């Protein structure tokens, strides 16, 4: 093996070691947000399921209104306030036009 090839192999080995160290460090630093991302994935899967089966959401909402009408009105009011706030933010940001 030539001297240049040997030098390149040594440099490559050092770089591979450095990359492995950086990957381990990154994995350690991001371990805290892994659960948060997993929760977000679960939420997105739930939203996809609701898009696929909208009747299930309607039946659940109807059952909620029948069982707890006062609480349903309270939650409907909160949802309306959130929807209006989100609409205002989107309009202010110019998103969705």
PDB file of N, CA and C in Angstrom:
ATOM      1  N   UNK A   1       0.851  -1.166   0.000  1.00  0.00           N
ATOM      2  CA  UNK A   1       0.000   0.000   0.000  1.00  0.00           C
ATOM      3  C   UNK A   1       0.898   1.231   0.000  1.00  0.00           C
ATOM      4  N   UNK A   2       0.530   2.199  -0.828  1.00  0.00           N
ATOM      5  CA  UNK A   2       1.364   3.395  -0.927  1.00  0.00           C
ATOM      6  C   UNK A   2       1.182   4.267   0.313  1.00  0.00           C
ATOM      7  N   UNK A   3       2.086   5.191   0.464  1.00  0.00           N
ATOM      8  CA  UNK A   3       2.038   6.087   1.625  1.00  0.00           C
ATOM      9  C   UNK A   3       0.801   6.962   1.582  1.00  0.00           C
ATOM     10  N   UNK A   4       0.428   7.408   0.374  1.00  0.00           N
ATOM     11  CA  UNK A   4      -0.753   8.283   0.247  1.00  0.00           C
ATOM     12  C   UNK A   4      -2.036   7.512   0.586  1.00  0.00           C
ATOM     13  N   UNK A   5      -2.130   6.283   0.101  1.00  0.00           N
ATOM     14  CA  UNK A   5      -3.299   5.459   0.402  1.00  0.00           C
ATOM     15  C   UNK A   5      -3.380   5.156   1.892  1.00  0.00           C
ATOM     16  N   UNK A   6      -2.259   4.898   2.511  1.00  0.00           N
ATOM     17  CA  UNK A   6      -2.230   4.648   3.945  1.00  0.00           C
ATOM     18  C   UNK A   6      -2.667   5.875   4.729  1.00  0.00           C
ATOM     19  N   UNK A   7      -2.180   7.040   4.303  1.00  0.00           N
ATOM     20  CA  UNK A   7      -2.566   8.295   4.966  1.00  0.00           C
ATOM     21  C   UNK A   7      -4.061   8.545   4.824  1.00  0.00           C
ATOM     22  N   UNK A   8      -4.611   8.289   3.628  1.00  0.00           N
ATOM     23  CA  UNK A   8      -6.054   8.465   3.419  1.00  0.00           C
ATOM     24  C   UNK A   8      -6.861   7.495   4.273  1.00  0.00           C
ATOM     25  N   UNK A   9      -6.380   6.261   4.396  1.00  0.00           N
ATOM     26  CA  UNK A   9      -7.082   5.272   5.220  1.00  0.00           C
ATOM     27  C   UNK A   9      -7.079   5.688   6.685  1.00  0.00           C
ATOM     28  N   UNK A  10      -5.967   6.229   7.160  1.00  0.00           N
ATOM     29  CA  UNK A  10      -5.880   6.690   8.554  1.00  0.00           C
ATOM     30  C   UNK A  10      -6.824   7.874   8.761  1.00  0.00           C
ATOM     31  N   UNK A  11      -6.831   8.808   7.816  1.00  0.00           N
ATOM     32  CA  UNK A  11      -7.731   9.973   7.934  1.00  0.00           C
ATOM     33  C   UNK A  11      -9.190   9.546   7.905  1.00  0.00           C
ATOM     34  N   UNK A  12      -9.491   8.576   7.033  1.00  0.00           N
ATOM     35  CA  UNK A  12     -10.873   8.088   6.958  1.00  0.00           C
ATOM     36  C   UNK A  12     -11.277   7.423   8.270  1.00  0.00           C
ATOM     37  N   UNK A  13     -10.391   6.650   8.845  1.00  0.00           N
ATOM     38  CA  UNK A  13     -10.683   6.017  10.129  1.00  0.00           C
ATOM     39  C   UNK A  13     -10.923   7.043  11.215  1.00  0.00           C
ATOM     40  N   UNK A  14     -10.125   8.102  11.231  1.00  0.00           N
ATOM     41  CA  UNK A  14     -10.302   9.157  12.223  1.00  0.00           C
ATOM     42  C   UNK A  14     -11.633   9.863  12.017  1.00  0.00           C
ATOM     43  N   UNK A  15     -11.985  10.110  10.743  1.00  0.00           N
ATOM     44  CA  UNK A  15     -13.273  10.753  10.465  1.00  0.00           C
ATOM     45  C   UNK A  15     -14.438   9.850  10.846  1.00  0.00           C
ATOM     46  N   UNK A  16     -14.333   8.562  10.562  1.00  0.00           N
ATOM     47  CA  UNK A  16     -15.396   7.624  10.954  1.00  0.00           C
ATOM     48  C   UNK A  16     -15.579   7.611  12.469  1.00  0.00           C
ATOM     49  N   UNK A  17     -14.491   7.643  13.187  1.00  0.00           N
ATOM     50  CA  UNK A  17     -14.553   7.673  14.655  1.00  0.00           C
ATOM     51  C   UNK A  17     -15.202   8.967  15.139  1.00  0.00           C
ATOM     52  N   UNK A  18     -14.830  10.073  14.510  1.00  0.00           N
ATOM     53  CA  UNK A  18     -15.416  11.375  14.884  1.00  0.00           C
ATOM     54  C   UNK A  18     -16.911  11.399  14.592  1.00  0.00           C
ATOM     55  N   UNK A  19     -17.305  10.853  13.451  1.00  0.00           N
ATOM     56  CA  UNK A  19     -18.732  10.802  13.094  1.00  0.00           C
ATOM     57  C   UNK A  19     -19.500   9.956  14.100  1.00  0.00           C
ATOM     58  N   UNK A  20     -18.958   8.820  14.482  1.00  0.00           N
ATOM     59  CA  UNK A  20     -19.617   7.943  15.462  1.00  0.00           C
ATOM     60  C   UNK A  20     -19.774   8.657  16.799  1.00  0.00           C
ATOM     61  N   UNK A  21     -18.760   9.399  17.185  1.00  0.00           N
ATOM     62  CA  UNK A  21     -18.828  10.150  18.435  1.00  0.00           C
ATOM     63  C   UNK A  21     -19.913  11.227  18.363  1.00  0.00           C
ATOM     64  N   UNK A  22     -19.976  11.918  17.229  1.00  0.00           N
ATOM     65  CA  UNK A  22     -20.990  12.958  17.070  1.00  0.00           C
ATOM     66  C   UNK A  22     -22.394  12.371  17.049  1.00  0.00           C
ATOM     67  N   UNK A  23     -22.561  11.216  16.420  1.00  0.00           N
ATOM     68  CA  UNK A  23     -23.870  10.567  16.402  1.00  0.00           C
ATOM     69  C   UNK A  23     -24.305  10.175  17.811  1.00  0.00           C
ATOM     70  N   UNK A  24     -23.382   9.638  18.576  1.00  0.00           N
ATOM     71  CA  UNK A  24     -23.705   9.253  19.952  1.00  0.00           C
ATOM     72  C   UNK A  24     -24.069  10.477  20.785  1.00  0.00           C
ATOM     73  N   UNK A  25     -23.337  11.561  20.594  1.00  0.00           N
ATOM     74  CA  UNK A  25     -23.615  12.796  21.321  1.00  0.00           C
ATOM     75  C   UNK A  25     -24.980  13.362  20.931  1.00  0.00           C
ATOM     76  N   UNK A  26     -25.287  13.341  19.635  1.00  0.00           N
ATOM     77  CA  UNK A  26     -26.579  13.830  19.173  1.00  0.00           C
ATOM     78  C   UNK A  26     -27.718  12.986  19.725  1.00  0.00           C
ATOM     79  N   UNK A  27     -27.538  11.668  19.741  1.00  0.00           N
ATOM     80  CA  UNK A  27     -28.566  10.785  20.285  1.00  0.00           C
ATOM     81  C   UNK A  27     -28.806  11.073  21.763  1.00  0.00           C
ATOM     82  N   UNK A  28     -27.738  11.344  22.491  1.00  0.00           N
ATOM     83  CA  UNK A  28     -27.861  11.650  23.918  1.00  0.00           C
ATOM     84  C   UNK A  28     -28.571  12.987  24.120  1.00  0.00           C
ATOM     85  N   UNK A  29     -28.244  13.974  23.305  1.00  0.00           N
ATOM     86  CA  UNK A  29     -28.835  15.304  23.464  1.00  0.00           C
ATOM     87  C   UNK A  29     -30.302  15.343  23.056  1.00  0.00           C
ATOM     88  N   UNK A  30     -30.708  14.509  22.115  1.00  0.00           N
ATOM     89  CA  UNK A  30     -32.087  14.536  21.634  1.00  0.00           C
ATOM     90  C   UNK A  30     -32.980  13.503  22.304  1.00  0.00           C
ATOM     91  N   UNK A  31     -32.459  12.772  23.266  1.00  0.00           N
ATOM     92  CA  UNK A  31     -33.258  11.745  23.939  1.00  0.00           C
ATOM     93  C   UNK A  31     -34.473  12.363  24.635  1.00  0.00           C
ATOM     94  N   UNK A  32     -34.349  13.573  25.124  1.00  0.00           N
ATOM     95  CA  UNK A  32     -35.454  14.213  25.838  1.00  0.00           C
ATOM     96  C   UNK A  32     -36.632  14.546  24.952  1.00  0.00           C
ATOM     97  N   UNK A  33     -36.390  14.853  23.692  1.00  0.00           N
ATOM     98  CA  UNK A  33     -37.502  15.222  22.817  1.00  0.00           C
ATOM     99  C   UNK A  33     -38.069  14.029  22.060  1.00  0.00           C
ATOM    100  N   UNK A  34     -37.468  12.861  22.256  1.00  0.00           N
ATOM    101  CA  UNK A  34     -37.949  11.670  21.562  1.00  0.00           C
ATOM    102  C   UNK A  34     -39.390  11.344  21.960  1.00  0.00           C
ATOM    103  N   UNK A  35     -39.699  11.444  23.245  1.00  0.00           N
ATOM    104  CA  UNK A  35     -41.066  11.178  23.702  1.00  0.00           C
ATOM    105  C   UNK A  35     -42.030  12.220  23.165  1.00  0.00           C
ATOM    106  N   UNK A  36     -41.602  13.462  23.099  1.00  0.00           N
ATOM    107  CA  UNK A  36     -42.452  14.516  22.556  1.00  0.00           C
ATOM    108  C   UNK A  36     -42.787  14.236  21.090  1.00  0.00           C
ATOM    109  N   UNK A  37     -41.787  13.835  20.330  1.00  0.00           N
ATOM    110  CA  UNK A  37     -42.010  13.504  18.921  1.00  0.00           C
ATOM    111  C   UNK A  37     -42.920  12.287  18.787  1.00  0.00           C
ATOM    112  N   UNK A  38     -42.747  11.327  19.656  1.00  0.00           N
ATOM    113  CA  UNK A  38     -43.609  10.142  19.623  1.00  0.00           C
ATOM    114  C   UNK A  38     -45.056  10.530  19.925  1.00  0.00           C
ATOM    115  N   UNK A  39     -45.243  11.441  20.864  1.00  0.00           N
ATOM    116  CA  UNK A  39     -46.597  11.928  21.158  1.00  0.00           C
ATOM    117  C   UNK A  39     -47.202  12.662  19.970  1.00  0.00           C
ATOM    118  N   UNK A  40     -46.386  13.444  19.299  1.00  0.00           N
ATOM    119  CA  UNK A  40     -46.857  14.140  18.099  1.00  0.00           C
ATOM    120  C   UNK A  40     -47.234  13.164  16.997  1.00  0.00           C
ATOM    121  N   UNK A  41     -46.449  12.108  16.845  1.00  0.00           N
ATOM    122  CA  UNK A  41     -46.771  11.078  15.855  1.00  0.00           C
ATOM    123  C   UNK A  41     -48.096  10.406  16.186  1.00  0.00           C
ATOM    124  N   UNK A  42     -48.308  10.122  17.460  1.00  0.00           N
ATOM    125  CA  UNK A  42     -49.564   9.506  17.886  1.00  0.00           C
ATOM    126  C   UNK A  42     -50.744  10.424  17.580  1.00  0.00           C
ATOM    127  N   UNK A  43     -50.571  11.714  17.852  1.00  0.00           N
ATOM    128  CA  UNK A  43     -51.630  12.690  17.553  1.00  0.00           C
ATOM    129  C   UNK A  43     -51.916  12.732  16.060  1.00  0.00           C
ATOM    130  N   UNK A  44     -50.883  12.747  15.237  1.00  0.00           N
ATOM    131  CA  UNK A  44     -51.086  12.777  13.791  1.00  0.00           C
ATOM    132  C   UNK A  44     -51.760  11.510  13.285  1.00  0.00           C
ATOM    133  N   UNK A  45     -51.413  10.358  13.871  1.00  0.00           N
ATOM    134  CA  UNK A  45     -52.086   9.113  13.492  1.00  0.00           C
ATOM    135  C   UNK A  45     -53.568   9.178  13.867  1.00  0.00           C
ATOM    136  N   UNK A  46     -53.867   9.762  15.023  1.00  0.00           N
ATOM    137  CA  UNK A  46     -55.260   9.923  15.436  1.00  0.00           C
ATOM    138  C   UNK A  46     -56.034  10.834  14.499  1.00  0.00           C
ATOM    139  N   UNK A  47     -55.407  11.910  14.062  1.00  0.00           N
ATOM    140  CA  UNK A  47     -56.060  12.826  13.120  1.00  0.00           C
ATOM    141  C   UNK A  47     -56.305  12.128  11.788  1.00  0.00           C
ATOM    142  N   UNK A  48     -55.320  11.358  11.328  1.00  0.00           N
ATOM    143  CA  UNK A  48     -55.507  10.600  10.089  1.00  0.00           C
ATOM    144  C   UNK A  48     -56.660   9.611  10.220  1.00  0.00           C
ATOM    145  N   UNK A  49     -56.762   8.968  11.388  1.00  0.00           N
ATOM    146  CA  UNK A  49     -57.853   8.026  11.616  1.00  0.00           C
ATOM    147  C   UNK A  49     -59.197   8.750  11.578  1.00  0.00           C
ATOM    148  N   UNK A  50     -59.266   9.934  12.191  1.00  0.00           N
ATOM    149  CA  UNK A  50     -60.520  10.692  12.176  1.00  0.00           C
ATOM    150  C   UNK A  50     -60.890  11.140  10.765  1.00  0.00           C
ATOM    151  N   UNK A  51     -59.879  11.462   9.963  1.00  0.00           N
ATOM    152  CA  UNK A  51     -60.164  11.823   8.565  1.00  0.00           C
ATOM    153  C   UNK A  51     -60.693  10.616   7.798  1.00  0.00           C
ATOM    154  N   UNK A  52     -60.213   9.450   8.152  1.00  0.00           N
ATOM    155  CA  UNK A  52     -60.633   8.235   7.470  1.00  0.00           C
ATOM    156  C   UNK A  52     -62.033   7.790   7.931  1.00  0.00           C
ATOM    157  N   UNK A  53     -62.355   8.021   9.194  1.00  0.00           N
ATOM    158  CA  UNK A  53     -63.649   7.626   9.762  1.00  0.00           C
ATOM    159  C   UNK A  53     -64.330   8.820  10.428  1.00  0.00           C
ATOM    160  N   UNK A  54     -64.816   9.797   9.660  1.00  0.00           N
ATOM    161  CA  UNK A  54     -65.439  10.976  10.268  1.00  0.00           C
ATOM    162  C   UNK A  54     -66.754  10.657  10.988  1.00  0.00           C
ATOM    163  N   UNK A  55     -67.412   9.600  10.582  1.00  0.00           N
ATOM    164  CA  UNK A  55     -68.672   9.237  11.243  1.00  0.00           C
ATOM    165  C   UNK A  55     -68.430   8.878  12.703  1.00  0.00           C
ATOM    166  N   UNK A  56     -67.289   8.288  13.012  1.00  0.00           N
ATOM    167  CA  UNK A  56     -66.984   7.924  14.401  1.00  0.00           C
ATOM    168  C   UNK A  56     -66.891   9.177  15.263  1.00  0.00           C
ATOM    169  N   UNK A  57     -66.294  10.238  14.732  1.00  0.00           N
ATOM    170  CA  UNK A  57     -66.210  11.500  15.483  1.00  0.00           C
ATOM    171  C   UNK A  57     -67.601  12.084  15.684  1.00  0.00           C
ATOM    172  N   UNK A  58     -68.444  11.989  14.666  1.00  0.00           N
ATOM    173  CA  UNK A  58     -69.812  12.492  14.786  1.00  0.00           C
ATOM    174  C   UNK A  58     -70.619  11.733  15.818  1.00  0.00           C
ATOM    175  N   UNK A  59     -70.480  10.426  15.831  1.00  0.00           N
ATOM    176  CA  UNK A  59     -71.194   9.598  16.812  1.00  0.00           C
ATOM    177  C   UNK A  59     -70.701   9.911  18.218  1.00  0.00           C
ATOM    178  N   UNK A  60     -69.389  10.064  18.377  1.00  0.00           N
ATOM    179  CA  UNK A  60     -68.839  10.388  19.697  1.00  0.00           C
ATOM    180  C   UNK A  60     -69.323  11.757  20.169  1.00  0.00           C
ATOM    181  N   UNK A  61     -69.345  12.736  19.273  1.00  0.00           N
ATOM    182  CA  UNK A  61     -69.822  14.069  19.643  1.00  0.00           C
ATOM    183  C   UNK A  61     -71.304  14.020  20.017  1.00  0.00           C
ATOM    184  N   UNK A  62     -72.097  13.285  19.251  1.00  0.00           N
ATOM    185  CA  UNK A  62     -73.519  13.162  19.545  1.00  0.00           C
ATOM    186  C   UNK A  62     -73.747  12.505  20.901  1.00  0.00           C
ATOM    187  N   UNK A  63     -72.979  11.451  21.195  1.00  0.00           N
ATOM    188  CA  UNK A  63     -73.100  10.770  22.485  1.00  0.00           C
ATOM    189  C   UNK A  63     -72.693  11.709  23.621  1.00  0.00           C
ATOM    190  N   UNK A  64     -71.656  12.495  23.406  1.00  0.00           N
ATOM    191  CA  UNK A  64     -71.210  13.455  24.420  1.00  0.00           C
ATOM    192  C   UNK A  64     -72.294  14.492  24.709  1.00  0.00           C
ATOM    193  N   UNK A  65     -72.954  14.968  23.659  1.00  0.00           N
ATOM    194  CA  UNK A  65     -74.026  15.951  23.838  1.00  0.00           C
ATOM    195  C   UNK A  65     -75.195  15.328  24.588  1.00  0.00           C
ATOM    196  N   UNK A  66     -75.526  14.080  24.287  1.00  0.00           N
ATOM    197  CA  UNK A  66     -76.631  13.425  24.989  1.00  0.00           C
ATOM    198  C   UNK A  66     -76.314  13.173  26.455  1.00  0.00           C
ATOM    199  N   UNK A  67     -75.090  12.777  26.733  1.00  0.00           N
ATOM    200  CA  UNK A  67     -74.721  12.416  28.103  1.00  0.00           C
ATOM    201  C   UNK A  67     -74.466  13.646  28.968  1.00  0.00           C
ATOM    202  N   UNK A  68     -73.731  14.616  28.464  1.00  0.00           N
ATOM    203  CA  UNK A  68     -73.351  15.813  29.217  1.00  0.00           C
ATOM    204  C   UNK A  68     -73.630  17.077  28.398  1.00  0.00           C
ATOM    205  N   UNK A  69     -74.881  17.504  28.293  1.00  0.00           N
ATOM    206  CA  UNK A  69     -75.188  18.648  27.428  1.00  0.00           C
ATOM    207  C   UNK A  69     -74.526  19.958  27.884  1.00  0.00           C
ATOM    208  N   UNK A  70     -74.484  20.227  29.183  1.00  0.00           N
ATOM    209  CA  UNK A  70     -73.857  21.468  29.655  1.00  0.00           C
ATOM    210  C   UNK A  70     -72.363  21.489  29.331  1.00  0.00           C
ATOM    211  N   UNK A  71     -71.723  20.397  29.622  1.00  0.00           N
ATOM    212  CA  UNK A  71     -70.291  20.310  29.344  1.00  0.00           C
ATOM    213  C   UNK A  71     -70.031  20.402  27.838  1.00  0.00           C
ATOM    214  N   UNK A  72     -70.915  19.819  27.028  1.00  0.00           N
ATOM    215  CA  UNK A  72     -70.763  19.884  25.575  1.00  0.00           C
ATOM    216  C   UNK A  72     -70.852  21.333  25.097  1.00  0.00           C
ATOM    217  N   UNK A  73     -71.802  22.109  25.638  1.00  0.00           N
ATOM    218  CA  UNK A  73     -71.911  23.524  25.256  1.00  0.00           C
ATOM    219  C   UNK A  73     -70.679  24.304  25.683  1.00  0.00           C
ATOM    220  N   UNK A  74     -70.154  23.996  26.858  1.00  0.00           N
ATOM    221  CA  UNK A  74     -68.948  24.670  27.343  1.00  0.00           C
ATOM    222  C   UNK A  74     -67.767  24.385  26.406  1.00  0.00           C
ATOM    223  N   UNK A  75     -67.613  23.114  26.038  1.00  0.00           N
ATOM    224  CA  UNK A  75     -66.517  22.749  25.136  1.00  0.00           C
ATOM    225  C   UNK A  75     -66.730  23.316  23.733  1.00  0.00           C
ATOM    226  N   UNK A  76     -67.974  23.392  23.303  1.00  0.00           N
ATOM    227  CA  UNK A  76     -68.264  23.994  22.001  1.00  0.00           C
ATOM    228  C   UNK A  76     -67.860  25.465  22.003  1.00  0.00           C
ATOM    229  N   UNK A  77     -68.142  26.160  23.111  1.00  0.00           N
ATOM    230  CA  UNK A  77     -67.729  27.566  23.216  1.00  0.00           C
ATOM    231  C   UNK A  77     -66.220  27.720  23.190  1.00  0.00           C
ATOM    232  N   UNK A  78     -65.531  26.857  23.911  1.00  0.00           N
ATOM    233  CA  UNK A  78     -64.063  26.906  23.893  1.00  0.00           C
ATOM    234  C   UNK A  78     -63.523  26.614  22.496  1.00  0.00           C
ATOM    235  N   UNK A  79     -64.112  25.641  21.842  1.00  0.00           N
ATOM    236  CA  UNK A  79     -63.683  25.313  20.480  1.00  0.00           C
ATOM    237  C   UNK A  79     -63.911  26.465  19.523  1.00  0.00           C
ATOM    238  N   UNK A  80     -65.047  27.157  19.700  1.00  0.00           N
ATOM    239  CA  UNK A  80     -65.330  28.307  18.840  1.00  0.00           C
ATOM    240  C   UNK A  80     -64.314  29.412  19.059  1.00  0.00           C
ATOM    241  N   UNK A  81     -63.970  29.678  20.308  1.00  0.00           N
ATOM    242  CA  UNK A  81     -62.964  30.700  20.610  1.00  0.00           C
ATOM    243  C   UNK A  81     -61.617  30.310  20.018  1.00  0.00           C
ATOM    244  N   UNK A  82     -61.222  29.051  20.158  1.00  0.00           N
ATOM    245  CA  UNK A  82     -59.954  28.590  19.574  1.00  0.00           C
ATOM    246  C   UNK A  82     -59.973  28.702  18.053  1.00  0.00           C
ATOM    247  N   UNK A  83     -61.087  28.327  17.439  1.00  0.00           N
ATOM    248  CA  UNK A  83     -61.192  28.403  15.985  1.00  0.00           C
ATOM    249  C   UNK A  83     -61.085  29.847  15.509  1.00  0.00           C
ATOM    250  N   UNK A  84     -61.774  30.764  16.204  1.00  0.00           N
ATOM    251  CA  UNK A  84     -61.703  32.183  15.816  1.00  0.00           C
ATOM    252  C   UNK A  84     -60.295  32.731  16.002  1.00  0.00           C
ATOM    253  N   UNK A  85     -59.647  32.352  17.087  1.00  0.00           N
ATOM    254  CA  UNK A  85     -58.277  32.799  17.310  1.00  0.00           C
ATOM    255  C   UNK A  85     -57.341  32.273  16.243  1.00  0.00           C
ATOM    256  N   UNK A  86     -57.462  31.006  15.911  1.00  0.00           N
ATOM    257  CA  UNK A  86     -56.623  30.413  14.869  1.00  0.00           C
ATOM    258  C   UNK A  86     -56.892  31.078  13.520  1.00  0.00           C
ATOM    259  N   UNK A  87     -58.157  31.357  13.222  1.00  0.00           N
ATOM    260  CA  UNK A  87     -58.489  32.038  11.969  1.00  0.00           C
ATOM    261  C   UNK A  87     -57.861  33.421  11.917  1.00  0.00           C
ATOM    262  N   UNK A  88     -57.886  34.129  13.031  1.00  0.00           N
ATOM    263  CA  UNK A  88     -57.283  35.459  13.076  1.00  0.00           C
ATOM    264  C   UNK A  88     -55.778  35.391  12.873  1.00  0.00           C
ATOM    265  N   UNK A  89     -55.130  34.421  13.511  1.00  0.00           N
ATOM    266  CA  UNK A  89     -53.675  34.262  13.353  1.00  0.00           C
ATOM    267  C   UNK A  89     -53.333  33.918  11.909  1.00  0.00           C
ATOM    268  N   UNK A  90     -54.099  33.025  11.295  1.00  0.00           N
ATOM    269  CA  UNK A  90     -53.842  32.664   9.895  1.00  0.00           C
ATOM    270  C   UNK A  90     -54.033  33.859   8.974  1.00  0.00           C
ATOM    271  N   UNK A  91     -55.064  34.642   9.236  1.00  0.00           N
ATOM    272  CA  UNK A  91     -55.316  35.826   8.405  1.00  0.00           C
ATOM    273  C   UNK A  91     -54.192  36.839   8.590  1.00  0.00           C
ATOM    274  N   UNK A  92     -53.742  37.004   9.827  1.00  0.00           N
ATOM    275  CA  UNK A  92     -52.649  37.955  10.115  1.00  0.00           C
ATOM    276  C   UNK A  92     -51.351  37.527   9.459  1.00  0.00           C
ATOM    277  N   UNK A  93     -51.092  36.193   9.468  1.00  0.00           N
ATOM    278  CA  UNK A  93     -49.880  35.675   8.838  1.00  0.00           C
ATOM    279  C   UNK A  93     -49.992  35.544   7.332  1.00  0.00           C
ATOM    280  N   UNK A  94     -51.214  35.616   6.817  1.00  0.00           N
ATOM    281  CA  UNK A  94     -51.413  35.467   5.381  1.00  0.00           C
ATOM    282  C   UNK A  94     -51.312  34.035   4.909  1.00  0.00           C
ATOM    283  N   UNK A  95     -51.636  33.076   5.808  1.00  0.00           N
ATOM    284  CA  UNK A  95     -51.561  31.652   5.478  1.00  0.00           C
ATOM    285  C   UNK A  95     -52.932  31.197   5.013  1.00  0.00           C
ATOM    286  N   UNK A  96     -52.957  30.344   3.992  1.00  0.00           N
ATOM    287  CA  UNK A  96     -54.210  29.750   3.563  1.00  0.00           C
ATOM    288  C   UNK A  96     -55.021  30.618   2.629  1.00  0.00           C
ATOM    289  N   UNK A  97     -54.383  31.538   1.972  1.00  0.00           N
ATOM    290  CA  UNK A  97     -55.133  32.366   1.016  1.00  0.00           C
ATOM    291  C   UNK A  97     -55.057  31.800  -0.346  1.00  0.00           C
TER     292      UNK A  97
END
